[in-house]
Amino acid sequence: MKIEIIDGVEIDISGPLRKLRLKDGWYVVGEGSLDTVDSEEEAELLIQHLTTQ
């Protein structure tokens, strides 16, 4: 599954959770979702939180 965000960028949100850095910031993508985060550290913490639930 792909979604399109600002500037026509397409992001594949299928597959495992992972960090993604784009020119407008950090994202956590995967498992059918896309979440914006403030930093790489926050992305890592979110992935850890989501995978331990």
Protein backbone atom coordinates (compact mmCIF):
# COMPACT_ATOMS: atom_id res chain seq x y z
CA MET A 1 0.00 0.00 0.00
CA LYS A 2 1.31 3.45 -0.87
CA ILE A 3 0.22 6.91 0.16
CA GLU A 4 1.17 10.25 -1.31
CA ILE A 5 2.22 13.15 0.88
CA ILE A 6 3.14 16.76 0.16
CA ASP A 7 5.35 17.39 -2.91
CA GLY A 8 4.08 14.23 -4.61
CA VAL A 9 6.28 11.91 -2.56
CA GLU A 10 4.88 8.38 -2.45
CA ILE A 11 5.60 6.26 0.62
CA ASP A 12 5.11 2.50 0.79
CA ILE A 13 3.50 1.92 4.18
CA SER A 14 3.44 -1.87 3.91
CA GLY A 15 6.08 -4.03 5.56
CA PRO A 16 7.70 -3.74 8.98
CA LEU A 17 7.94 -0.54 11.01
CA ARG A 18 10.91 1.58 10.04
CA LYS A 19 12.32 5.09 10.26
CA LEU A 20 12.16 7.38 7.25
CA ARG A 21 13.88 10.75 6.90
CA LEU A 22 12.46 13.15 4.32
CA LYS A 23 13.29 16.81 3.72
CA ASP A 24 10.40 17.88 5.94
CA GLY A 25 11.24 15.64 8.89
CA TRP A 26 11.17 12.16 10.38
CA TYR A 27 8.47 9.51 9.98
CA VAL A 28 7.74 6.03 11.26
CA VAL A 29 6.20 3.97 8.47
CA GLY A 30 5.03 0.40 8.12
CA GLU A 31 2.28 -2.00 9.09
CA GLY A 32 -0.17 0.18 7.13
CA SER A 33 0.52 3.43 8.99
CA LEU A 34 2.50 6.64 8.75
CA ASP A 35 3.35 8.68 11.85
CA THR A 36 5.29 11.94 12.01
CA VAL A 37 7.86 12.32 14.78
CA ASP A 38 10.18 15.13 15.86
CA SER A 39 13.50 13.28 15.70
CA GLU A 40 15.28 10.05 14.86
CA GLU A 41 15.38 9.24 18.57
CA GLU A 42 11.61 9.68 18.85
CA ALA A 43 11.18 7.41 15.81
CA GLU A 44 13.23 4.70 17.50
CA LEU A 45 11.25 5.04 20.72
CA LEU A 46 7.93 4.85 18.87
CA ILE A 47 8.99 1.73 16.97
CA GLN A 48 10.14 0.13 20.22
CA HIS A 49 6.86 1.04 21.91
CA LEU A 50 4.71 -0.27 19.05
CA THR A 51 6.61 -3.55 18.72
CA THR A 52 6.45 -4.39 22.44
CA GLN A 53 2.67 -3.98 22.77
